[in-house]
Amino acid sequence: MKVAVVTDSTAYIPEDLRKKHHIHMIPLSVIFNDTSYQEEIDLSAEDFYEKVKEYGIPTTSQPPVGAFVDLFSQLARDHDAVISIHLSSRISGTYQAAISAGEMVEGIEVYAYDSELSAMPQGFYAIKAAEMSQDGNPADEIIAQLDYMKSKIRAYFMVDDLTNLQKGGRLSHAQAILGGLLKIKPVLHFVDKVIVPFEKIRTRKKAIQRIVDMLEEDAKQGNVERVVFIHGNAESSAIELRDQFVEKYPDIETVISYFGPVIGTHLGEGALGISWYTK
C-alpha cells in the first residue's frame, strides 16, 4: 500500500523537512481588509507580523473543501491511501473539511486525523506518518502509531497578551480577564482539543523556565525523541532556548519552528512554545 501524507499549513513544518519527508500541505488563510492570503504560500510569518502592525489583527479562514478534493484526486493517481492530519477540530473546521472531501473522491482511501492541537506538535504527527509510509507501513498501522503518540506528546506555550486568544474564541473571557488584571503570563496547553491554562505564572521569564523545567525532567530520563522550540516572530529567543538545551542534551534531535499567520493571529507576537515527545 502506498500512503501519502497531508497536513495543513498550521503545522508549520519547515519547508526543508516537508520536502525531505514528501509531506503535502493544504493552506489556511488570513484576511486583511478583505484581501485573503494563504499562509506559507502568499504570506510568510515574517511578513504577517509586519502586516499586523500596519492593519491590525486579521480574521482567519479554513481551506475550502474543493482544495482537499483537488489534492486528494491528484494523489489518487499513484497512492492507495492518504492520511490527512489537521489542527484541533474544536478550533477549526479544517479536519471536517478533509472528511467531507474524502467522501467525494474515488480511487483512494482517505484517513482524516485530528491532531487535537496545532503548530509543530501537529507536525510531529505528519513527520512520523511520513517516516512510516516511506518504510512501507500500511495506513492502519500508521494511524495506530499516531494514536499511541497522543499519550507521549507534550506541548506548552505562553503568550504576552491573552486578548487575541479571547477575541478569537480560543480562550474564555473569564480566563483572559484574570490573566490581564493580574499581569499573569500563563503556561497554556491543549486539553480535550481546546486551549486552557496549565499554570498561572506572573512573569514571562518564569513561565518559559517552567516549560523548560518540564522538558528537562523528561530529558533526564533519556527517552525524549524530538523537541521543537516555537516562536511568534521571536526567533532569537527560540534559538537561545534551543542552544541552552542542546548544550545539556546534544544527542536529542531539536527543531526550530514558528507560529505562522493563522496561529499567530490568536497567540500574538512574542509567543513562545516548546513541544516534545518520548520514544
C-alpha atoms as a PDB file:
ATOM      1  CA  MET A   1       0.000   0.000   0.000  1.00  0.00           C
ATOM      2  CA  LYS A   2       1.370   3.401  -0.997  1.00  0.00           C
ATOM      3  CA  VAL A   3       0.318   6.016   1.557  1.00  0.00           C
ATOM      4  CA  ALA A   4       0.512   9.784   1.048  1.00  0.00           C
ATOM      5  CA  VAL A   5       0.695  12.186   3.973  1.00  0.00           C
ATOM      6  CA  VAL A   6      -1.087  15.538   4.021  1.00  0.00           C
ATOM      7  CA  THR A   7      -1.216  18.181   6.710  1.00  0.00           C
ATOM      8  CA  ASP A   8      -2.403  21.767   6.816  1.00  0.00           C
ATOM      9  CA  SER A   9      -0.252  24.861   6.972  1.00  0.00           C
ATOM     10  CA  THR A  10      -0.739  25.362  10.710  1.00  0.00           C
ATOM     11  CA  ALA A  11       1.687  22.506  11.358  1.00  0.00           C
ATOM     12  CA  TYR A  12       4.422  24.985  10.340  1.00  0.00           C
ATOM     13  CA  ILE A  13       6.807  22.219   9.379  1.00  0.00           C
ATOM     14  CA  PRO A  14       9.928  23.910   7.997  1.00  0.00           C
ATOM     15  CA  GLU A  15       9.917  23.617   4.208  1.00  0.00           C
ATOM     16  CA  ASP A  16      13.089  21.554   4.081  1.00  0.00           C
ATOM     17  CA  LEU A  17      11.502  18.940   6.358  1.00  0.00           C
ATOM     18  CA  ARG A  18       8.289  18.897   4.310  1.00  0.00           C
ATOM     19  CA  LYS A  19      10.301  18.232   1.172  1.00  0.00           C
ATOM     20  CA  LYS A  20      12.516  15.644   2.844  1.00  0.00           C
ATOM     21  CA  HIS A  21       9.508  13.634   4.010  1.00  0.00           C
ATOM     22  CA  HIS A  22       7.281  14.299   0.954  1.00  0.00           C
ATOM     23  CA  ILE A  23       4.533  15.847   3.085  1.00  0.00           C
ATOM     24  CA  HIS A  24       1.777  17.622   1.158  1.00  0.00           C
ATOM     25  CA  MET A  25       0.366  20.840   2.608  1.00  0.00           C
ATOM     26  CA  ILE A  26      -3.095  22.461   2.452  1.00  0.00           C
ATOM     27  CA  PRO A  27      -3.005  26.174   3.376  1.00  0.00           C
ATOM     28  CA  LEU A  28      -5.314  28.060   5.691  1.00  0.00           C
ATOM     29  CA  SER A  29      -5.752  31.789   5.121  1.00  0.00           C
ATOM     30  CA  VAL A  30      -5.760  35.117   6.912  1.00  0.00           C
ATOM     31  CA  ILE A  31      -7.787  38.094   5.708  1.00  0.00           C
ATOM     32  CA  PHE A  32      -6.583  41.695   5.982  1.00  0.00           C
ATOM     33  CA  ASN A  33      -9.023  44.369   4.780  1.00  0.00           C
ATOM     34  CA  ASP A  34     -10.964  41.919   2.589  1.00  0.00           C
ATOM     35  CA  THR A  35      -7.774  40.582   0.988  1.00  0.00           C
ATOM     36  CA  SER A  36      -7.127  36.896   1.624  1.00  0.00           C
ATOM     37  CA  TYR A  37      -3.618  35.464   1.908  1.00  0.00           C
ATOM     38  CA  GLN A  38      -2.769  31.764   2.005  1.00  0.00           C
ATOM     39  CA  GLU A  39      -0.197  31.260   4.722  1.00  0.00           C
ATOM     40  CA  GLU A  40       3.057  29.598   3.703  1.00  0.00           C
ATOM     41  CA  ILE A  41       2.218  30.459   0.067  1.00  0.00           C
ATOM     42  CA  ASP A  42       1.171  34.108  -0.287  1.00  0.00           C
ATOM     43  CA  LEU A  43       2.320  35.281   3.116  1.00  0.00           C
ATOM     44  CA  SER A  44       5.331  34.364   5.236  1.00  0.00           C
ATOM     45  CA  ALA A  45       5.325  34.505   9.009  1.00  0.00           C
ATOM     46  CA  GLU A  46       7.705  37.493   8.968  1.00  0.00           C
ATOM     47  CA  ASP A  47       5.522  39.484   6.554  1.00  0.00           C
ATOM     48  CA  PHE A  48       2.423  38.598   8.564  1.00  0.00           C
ATOM     49  CA  TYR A  49       3.683  40.228  11.745  1.00  0.00           C
ATOM     50  CA  GLU A  50       4.561  43.368   9.775  1.00  0.00           C
ATOM     51  CA  LYS A  51       1.059  43.490   8.327  1.00  0.00           C
ATOM     52  CA  VAL A  52      -0.459  43.181  11.793  1.00  0.00           C
ATOM     53  CA  LYS A  53       1.414  46.328  12.836  1.00  0.00           C
ATOM     54  CA  GLU A  54       0.009  48.153   9.804  1.00  0.00           C
ATOM     55  CA  TYR A  55      -3.536  46.763   9.537  1.00  0.00           C
ATOM     56  CA  GLY A  56      -4.341  45.238  12.917  1.00  0.00           C
ATOM     57  CA  ILE A  57      -5.459  41.688  13.722  1.00  0.00           C
ATOM     58  CA  PRO A  58      -6.845  39.781  10.687  1.00  0.00           C
ATOM     59  CA  THR A  59      -9.538  37.148  10.538  1.00  0.00           C
ATOM     60  CA  THR A  60      -8.723  33.539   9.633  1.00  0.00           C
ATOM     61  CA  SER A  61     -10.271  31.076   7.215  1.00  0.00           C
ATOM     62  CA  GLN A  62     -10.097  27.303   6.842  1.00  0.00           C
ATOM     63  CA  PRO A  63      -9.359  25.694   3.455  1.00  0.00           C
ATOM     64  CA  PRO A  64     -12.301  25.113   1.125  1.00  0.00           C
ATOM     65  CA  VAL A  65     -13.406  21.519   0.668  1.00  0.00           C
ATOM     66  CA  GLY A  66     -12.549  21.874  -3.018  1.00  0.00           C
ATOM     67  CA  ALA A  67      -8.867  22.348  -2.214  1.00  0.00           C
ATOM     68  CA  PHE A  68      -8.864  18.981  -0.457  1.00  0.00           C
ATOM     69  CA  VAL A  69     -10.795  17.342  -3.311  1.00  0.00           C
ATOM     70  CA  ASP A  70      -8.243  18.599  -5.845  1.00  0.00           C
ATOM     71  CA  LEU A  71      -5.262  17.377  -3.814  1.00  0.00           C
ATOM     72  CA  PHE A  72      -6.779  14.004  -2.933  1.00  0.00           C
ATOM     73  CA  SER A  73      -7.754  13.438  -6.572  1.00  0.00           C
ATOM     74  CA  GLN A  74      -4.198  14.172  -7.652  1.00  0.00           C
ATOM     75  CA  LEU A  75      -2.778  11.810  -5.022  1.00  0.00           C
ATOM     76  CA  ALA A  76      -5.203   9.074  -6.095  1.00  0.00           C
ATOM     77  CA  ARG A  77      -3.250   8.689  -9.337  1.00  0.00           C
ATOM     78  CA  ASP A  78      -0.369   6.916  -7.605  1.00  0.00           C
ATOM     79  CA  HIS A  79      -1.414   6.275  -3.992  1.00  0.00           C
ATOM     80  CA  ASP A  80      -3.763   3.814  -2.372  1.00  0.00           C
ATOM     81  CA  ALA A  81      -4.422   5.898   0.725  1.00  0.00           C
ATOM     82  CA  VAL A  82      -3.836   9.317   2.237  1.00  0.00           C
ATOM     83  CA  ILE A  83      -3.510  10.245   5.897  1.00  0.00           C
ATOM     84  CA  SER A  84      -4.610  13.865   6.298  1.00  0.00           C
ATOM     85  CA  ILE A  85      -3.513  15.340   9.649  1.00  0.00           C
ATOM     86  CA  HIS A  86      -5.034  18.579  10.909  1.00  0.00           C
ATOM     87  CA  LEU A  87      -5.269  21.086  13.725  1.00  0.00           C
ATOM     88  CA  SER A  88      -7.716  20.519  16.532  1.00  0.00           C
ATOM     89  CA  SER A  89     -11.283  20.046  15.348  1.00  0.00           C
ATOM     90  CA  ARG A  90     -12.517  22.280  18.176  1.00  0.00           C
ATOM     91  CA  ILE A  91     -10.605  25.326  16.961  1.00  0.00           C
ATOM     92  CA  SER A  92     -11.082  24.900  13.192  1.00  0.00           C
ATOM     93  CA  GLY A  93     -13.310  23.126  10.684  1.00  0.00           C
ATOM     94  CA  THR A  94     -10.294  22.003   8.644  1.00  0.00           C
ATOM     95  CA  TYR A  95     -10.454  18.410   9.892  1.00  0.00           C
ATOM     96  CA  GLN A  96     -14.141  18.189   8.963  1.00  0.00           C
ATOM     97  CA  ALA A  97     -13.390  19.616   5.510  1.00  0.00           C
ATOM     98  CA  ALA A  98     -10.875  16.798   4.979  1.00  0.00           C
ATOM     99  CA  ILE A  99     -13.501  14.239   5.983  1.00  0.00           C
ATOM    100  CA  SER A 100     -16.035  15.743   3.562  1.00  0.00           C
ATOM    101  CA  ALA A 101     -13.529  15.774   0.714  1.00  0.00           C
ATOM    102  CA  GLY A 102     -12.538  12.179   1.400  1.00  0.00           C
ATOM    103  CA  GLU A 103     -16.150  11.140   0.877  1.00  0.00           C
ATOM    104  CA  MET A 104     -16.188  12.835  -2.528  1.00  0.00           C
ATOM    105  CA  VAL A 105     -13.001  11.406  -4.029  1.00  0.00           C
ATOM    106  CA  GLU A 106     -12.896   7.953  -5.565  1.00  0.00           C
ATOM    107  CA  GLY A 107      -9.912   5.668  -6.003  1.00  0.00           C
ATOM    108  CA  ILE A 108      -8.151   6.469  -2.739  1.00  0.00           C
ATOM    109  CA  GLU A 109      -8.876   5.769   0.930  1.00  0.00           C
ATOM    110  CA  VAL A 110      -8.762   8.963   2.977  1.00  0.00           C
ATOM    111  CA  TYR A 111      -7.965   8.838   6.684  1.00  0.00           C
ATOM    112  CA  ALA A 112      -8.582  12.268   8.232  1.00  0.00           C
ATOM    113  CA  TYR A 113      -6.770  12.627  11.538  1.00  0.00           C
ATOM    114  CA  ASP A 114      -7.488  15.121  14.313  1.00  0.00           C
ATOM    115  CA  SER A 115      -4.200  16.060  15.984  1.00  0.00           C
ATOM    116  CA  GLU A 116      -6.195  17.697  18.815  1.00  0.00           C
ATOM    117  CA  LEU A 117      -3.631  20.529  18.898  1.00  0.00           C
ATOM    118  CA  SER A 118      -1.732  22.642  16.367  1.00  0.00           C
ATOM    119  CA  ALA A 119       1.599  24.150  15.232  1.00  0.00           C
ATOM    120  CA  MET A 120       4.694  21.960  15.082  1.00  0.00           C
ATOM    121  CA  PRO A 121       3.354  19.409  17.607  1.00  0.00           C
ATOM    122  CA  GLN A 122       0.818  18.676  14.856  1.00  0.00           C
ATOM    123  CA  GLY A 123       3.797  18.473  12.530  1.00  0.00           C
ATOM    124  CA  PHE A 124       5.283  15.704  14.680  1.00  0.00           C
ATOM    125  CA  TYR A 125       2.352  13.501  13.663  1.00  0.00           C
ATOM    126  CA  ALA A 126       2.863  14.285   9.976  1.00  0.00           C
ATOM    127  CA  ILE A 127       6.589  13.561  10.134  1.00  0.00           C
ATOM    128  CA  LYS A 128       6.042  10.265  11.952  1.00  0.00           C
ATOM    129  CA  ALA A 129       3.362   9.260   9.446  1.00  0.00           C
ATOM    130  CA  ALA A 130       5.663  10.128   6.542  1.00  0.00           C
ATOM    131  CA  GLU A 131       8.569   8.164   8.022  1.00  0.00           C
ATOM    132  CA  MET A 132       6.356   5.116   8.473  1.00  0.00           C
ATOM    133  CA  SER A 133       4.913   5.499   4.985  1.00  0.00           C
ATOM    134  CA  GLN A 134       8.389   5.609   3.483  1.00  0.00           C
ATOM    135  CA  ASP A 135       9.168   2.403   5.369  1.00  0.00           C
ATOM    136  CA  GLY A 136       6.180   0.736   3.705  1.00  0.00           C
ATOM    137  CA  ASN A 137       3.785   0.619   6.651  1.00  0.00           C
ATOM    138  CA  PRO A 138       0.063   0.420   5.792  1.00  0.00           C
ATOM    139  CA  ALA A 139      -2.324   3.222   6.757  1.00  0.00           C
ATOM    140  CA  ASP A 140      -3.973   1.401   9.659  1.00  0.00           C
ATOM    141  CA  GLU A 141      -0.611   0.770  11.343  1.00  0.00           C
ATOM    142  CA  ILE A 142       0.366   4.417  10.874  1.00  0.00           C
ATOM    143  CA  ILE A 143      -2.904   5.584  12.435  1.00  0.00           C
ATOM    144  CA  ALA A 144      -2.353   3.230  15.375  1.00  0.00           C
ATOM    145  CA  GLN A 145       1.099   4.737  15.931  1.00  0.00           C
ATOM    146  CA  LEU A 146      -0.312   8.287  15.791  1.00  0.00           C
ATOM    147  CA  ASP A 147      -2.893   7.325  18.403  1.00  0.00           C
ATOM    148  CA  TYR A 148      -0.095   5.992  20.593  1.00  0.00           C
ATOM    149  CA  MET A 149       1.862   9.237  20.156  1.00  0.00           C
ATOM    150  CA  LYS A 150      -1.007  11.206  21.674  1.00  0.00           C
ATOM    151  CA  SER A 151      -0.082   9.863  25.082  1.00  0.00           C
ATOM    152  CA  LYS A 152       3.559  10.841  24.547  1.00  0.00           C
ATOM    153  CA  ILE A 153       3.381  14.384  23.164  1.00  0.00           C
ATOM    154  CA  ARG A 154       3.861  17.348  25.480  1.00  0.00           C
ATOM    155  CA  ALA A 155       3.119  20.846  24.184  1.00  0.00           C
ATOM    156  CA  TYR A 156       3.174  24.030  26.266  1.00  0.00           C
ATOM    157  CA  PHE A 157       3.266  27.681  25.271  1.00  0.00           C
ATOM    158  CA  MET A 158       2.918  31.170  26.661  1.00  0.00           C
ATOM    159  CA  VAL A 159       1.702  34.445  25.161  1.00  0.00           C
ATOM    160  CA  ASP A 160       2.439  38.053  26.044  1.00  0.00           C
ATOM    161  CA  ASP A 161      -1.216  39.068  25.848  1.00  0.00           C
ATOM    162  CA  LEU A 162      -4.334  36.910  26.209  1.00  0.00           C
ATOM    163  CA  THR A 163      -6.516  39.380  24.273  1.00  0.00           C
ATOM    164  CA  ASN A 164      -6.144  37.754  20.860  1.00  0.00           C
ATOM    165  CA  LEU A 165      -6.993  34.306  22.188  1.00  0.00           C
ATOM    166  CA  GLN A 166     -10.076  35.650  23.929  1.00  0.00           C
ATOM    167  CA  LYS A 167     -11.289  37.688  20.928  1.00  0.00           C
ATOM    168  CA  GLY A 168     -10.850  34.686  18.657  1.00  0.00           C
ATOM    169  CA  GLY A 169     -12.900  32.484  20.966  1.00  0.00           C
ATOM    170  CA  ARG A 170      -9.930  30.234  21.762  1.00  0.00           C
ATOM    171  CA  LEU A 171      -9.849  31.177  25.449  1.00  0.00           C
ATOM    172  CA  SER A 172     -12.726  32.032  27.756  1.00  0.00           C
ATOM    173  CA  HIS A 173     -13.433  35.664  28.566  1.00  0.00           C
ATOM    174  CA  ALA A 174     -13.013  34.993  32.291  1.00  0.00           C
ATOM    175  CA  GLN A 175      -9.587  33.449  31.779  1.00  0.00           C
ATOM    176  CA  ALA A 176      -8.459  36.397  29.635  1.00  0.00           C
ATOM    177  CA  ILE A 177      -9.638  38.946  32.201  1.00  0.00           C
ATOM    178  CA  LEU A 178      -7.892  37.090  35.009  1.00  0.00           C
ATOM    179  CA  GLY A 179      -4.632  36.987  33.111  1.00  0.00           C
ATOM    180  CA  GLY A 180      -4.818  40.658  32.187  1.00  0.00           C
ATOM    181  CA  LEU A 181      -5.752  42.012  35.593  1.00  0.00           C
ATOM    182  CA  LEU A 182      -3.098  40.111  37.481  1.00  0.00           C
ATOM    183  CA  LYS A 183      -0.405  40.573  34.816  1.00  0.00           C
ATOM    184  CA  ILE A 184      -0.175  36.808  34.577  1.00  0.00           C
ATOM    185  CA  LYS A 185       1.780  35.020  31.835  1.00  0.00           C
ATOM    186  CA  PRO A 186       0.020  31.659  31.998  1.00  0.00           C
ATOM    187  CA  VAL A 187       1.516  28.487  30.630  1.00  0.00           C
ATOM    188  CA  LEU A 188      -1.101  27.146  28.217  1.00  0.00           C
ATOM    189  CA  HIS A 189      -1.740  23.736  26.693  1.00  0.00           C
ATOM    190  CA  PHE A 190      -4.446  21.744  24.922  1.00  0.00           C
ATOM    191  CA  VAL A 191      -6.949  19.679  26.878  1.00  0.00           C
ATOM    192  CA  ASP A 192      -9.873  17.987  25.116  1.00  0.00           C
ATOM    193  CA  LYS A 193      -8.877  19.790  21.902  1.00  0.00           C
ATOM    194  CA  VAL A 194      -9.094  23.327  23.325  1.00  0.00           C
ATOM    195  CA  ILE A 195      -6.567  25.754  24.829  1.00  0.00           C
ATOM    196  CA  VAL A 196      -6.657  26.049  28.613  1.00  0.00           C
ATOM    197  CA  PRO A 197      -4.238  27.345  31.263  1.00  0.00           C
ATOM    198  CA  PHE A 198      -1.829  24.772  32.643  1.00  0.00           C
ATOM    199  CA  GLU A 199      -0.386  27.031  35.329  1.00  0.00           C
ATOM    200  CA  LYS A 200      -0.775  30.730  36.095  1.00  0.00           C
ATOM    201  CA  ILE A 201       2.652  32.332  36.378  1.00  0.00           C
ATOM    202  CA  ARG A 202       3.344  36.017  36.940  1.00  0.00           C
ATOM    203  CA  THR A 203       6.299  36.704  34.639  1.00  0.00           C
ATOM    204  CA  ARG A 204       7.340  35.745  31.128  1.00  0.00           C
ATOM    205  CA  LYS A 205      10.751  34.565  32.307  1.00  0.00           C
ATOM    206  CA  LYS A 206       9.263  32.260  34.942  1.00  0.00           C
ATOM    207  CA  ALA A 207       6.654  30.899  32.508  1.00  0.00           C
ATOM    208  CA  ILE A 208       9.323  29.970  29.983  1.00  0.00           C
ATOM    209  CA  GLN A 209      11.516  28.460  32.692  1.00  0.00           C
ATOM    210  CA  ARG A 210       8.599  26.337  33.915  1.00  0.00           C
ATOM    211  CA  ILE A 211       8.224  24.820  30.444  1.00  0.00           C
ATOM    212  CA  VAL A 212      11.983  24.246  30.162  1.00  0.00           C
ATOM    213  CA  ASP A 213      11.983  22.527  33.556  1.00  0.00           C
ATOM    214  CA  MET A 214       9.250  20.116  32.434  1.00  0.00           C
ATOM    215  CA  LEU A 215      11.187  19.330  29.256  1.00  0.00           C
ATOM    216  CA  GLU A 216      14.383  18.657  31.185  1.00  0.00           C
ATOM    217  CA  GLU A 217      12.558  16.413  33.651  1.00  0.00           C
ATOM    218  CA  ASP A 218      11.699  14.148  30.708  1.00  0.00           C
ATOM    219  CA  ALA A 219      15.077  14.568  29.015  1.00  0.00           C
ATOM    220  CA  LYS A 220      16.867  13.361  32.151  1.00  0.00           C
ATOM    221  CA  GLN A 221      15.045  10.045  31.754  1.00  0.00           C
ATOM    222  CA  GLY A 222      16.805   9.574  28.410  1.00  0.00           C
ATOM    223  CA  ASN A 223      13.746   8.876  26.308  1.00  0.00           C
ATOM    224  CA  VAL A 224      12.915  12.200  24.615  1.00  0.00           C
ATOM    225  CA  GLU A 225      12.903  11.650  20.855  1.00  0.00           C
ATOM    226  CA  ARG A 226      12.289  15.103  19.353  1.00  0.00           C
ATOM    227  CA  VAL A 227      11.966  18.661  20.662  1.00  0.00           C
ATOM    228  CA  VAL A 228      10.715  21.765  18.887  1.00  0.00           C
ATOM    229  CA  PHE A 229      11.151  25.356  20.036  1.00  0.00           C
ATOM    230  CA  ILE A 230       8.417  27.544  18.547  1.00  0.00           C
ATOM    231  CA  HIS A 231       8.248  31.324  18.353  1.00  0.00           C
ATOM    232  CA  GLY A 232       5.931  34.116  17.255  1.00  0.00           C
ATOM    233  CA  ASN A 233       8.380  36.437  15.471  1.00  0.00           C
ATOM    234  CA  ALA A 234      10.897  35.906  18.277  1.00  0.00           C
ATOM    235  CA  GLU A 235      13.389  33.599  16.598  1.00  0.00           C
ATOM    236  CA  SER A 236      16.378  34.705  18.682  1.00  0.00           C
ATOM    237  CA  SER A 237      14.559  33.696  21.869  1.00  0.00           C
ATOM    238  CA  ALA A 238      13.736  30.263  20.440  1.00  0.00           C
ATOM    239  CA  ILE A 239      17.312  29.748  19.256  1.00  0.00           C
ATOM    240  CA  GLU A 240      18.662  30.738  22.670  1.00  0.00           C
ATOM    241  CA  LEU A 241      16.407  28.178  24.377  1.00  0.00           C
ATOM    242  CA  ARG A 242      17.374  25.527  21.812  1.00  0.00           C
ATOM    243  CA  ASP A 243      21.095  26.182  22.212  1.00  0.00           C
ATOM    244  CA  GLN A 244      20.895  26.003  26.000  1.00  0.00           C
ATOM    245  CA  PHE A 245      19.061  22.691  25.756  1.00  0.00           C
ATOM    246  CA  VAL A 246      21.427  21.209  23.146  1.00  0.00           C
ATOM    247  CA  GLU A 247      24.399  22.066  25.321  1.00  0.00           C
ATOM    248  CA  LYS A 248      22.959  19.798  28.022  1.00  0.00           C
ATOM    249  CA  TYR A 249      21.407  17.151  25.756  1.00  0.00           C
ATOM    250  CA  PRO A 250      23.367  17.087  22.461  1.00  0.00           C
ATOM    251  CA  ASP A 251      22.014  13.705  21.368  1.00  0.00           C
ATOM    252  CA  ILE A 252      18.348  14.747  21.299  1.00  0.00           C
ATOM    253  CA  GLU A 253      17.002  15.928  17.931  1.00  0.00           C
ATOM    254  CA  THR A 254      15.821  19.556  18.009  1.00  0.00           C
ATOM    255  CA  VAL A 255      13.977  21.784  15.541  1.00  0.00           C
ATOM    256  CA  ILE A 256      13.127  25.493  15.411  1.00  0.00           C
ATOM    257  CA  SER A 257       9.622  26.319  14.181  1.00  0.00           C
ATOM    258  CA  TYR A 258       7.273  29.290  14.362  1.00  0.00           C
ATOM    259  CA  PHE A 259       3.704  30.406  14.901  1.00  0.00           C
ATOM    260  CA  GLY A 260       2.703  31.489  11.416  1.00  0.00           C
ATOM    261  CA  PRO A 261      -0.154  33.776  10.327  1.00  0.00           C
ATOM    262  CA  VAL A 262      -3.202  31.725  11.363  1.00  0.00           C
ATOM    263  CA  ILE A 263      -1.981  30.624  14.784  1.00  0.00           C
ATOM    264  CA  GLY A 264      -0.089  33.900  15.221  1.00  0.00           C
ATOM    265  CA  THR A 265      -3.407  35.713  14.796  1.00  0.00           C
ATOM    266  CA  HIS A 266      -4.578  34.083  18.016  1.00  0.00           C
ATOM    267  CA  LEU A 267      -1.341  33.941  20.013  1.00  0.00           C
ATOM    268  CA  GLY A 268       0.177  37.281  19.037  1.00  0.00           C
ATOM    269  CA  GLU A 269       3.758  38.389  18.546  1.00  0.00           C
ATOM    270  CA  GLY A 270       6.247  37.194  21.144  1.00  0.00           C
ATOM    271  CA  ALA A 271       4.550  33.887  21.899  1.00  0.00           C
ATOM    272  CA  LEU A 272       6.904  31.015  22.707  1.00  0.00           C
ATOM    273  CA  GLY A 273       6.262  27.294  22.912  1.00  0.00           C
ATOM    274  CA  ILE A 274       8.143  24.054  23.453  1.00  0.00           C
ATOM    275  CA  SER A 275       6.894  20.635  22.462  1.00  0.00           C
ATOM    276  CA  TRP A 276       8.459  17.202  22.669  1.00  0.00           C
ATOM    277  CA  TYR A 277       7.592  13.551  22.659  1.00  0.00           C
ATOM    278  CA  THR A 278       9.111  10.486  24.182  1.00  0.00           C
ATOM    279  CA  LYS A 279      10.258   7.338  22.433  1.00  0.00           C
END
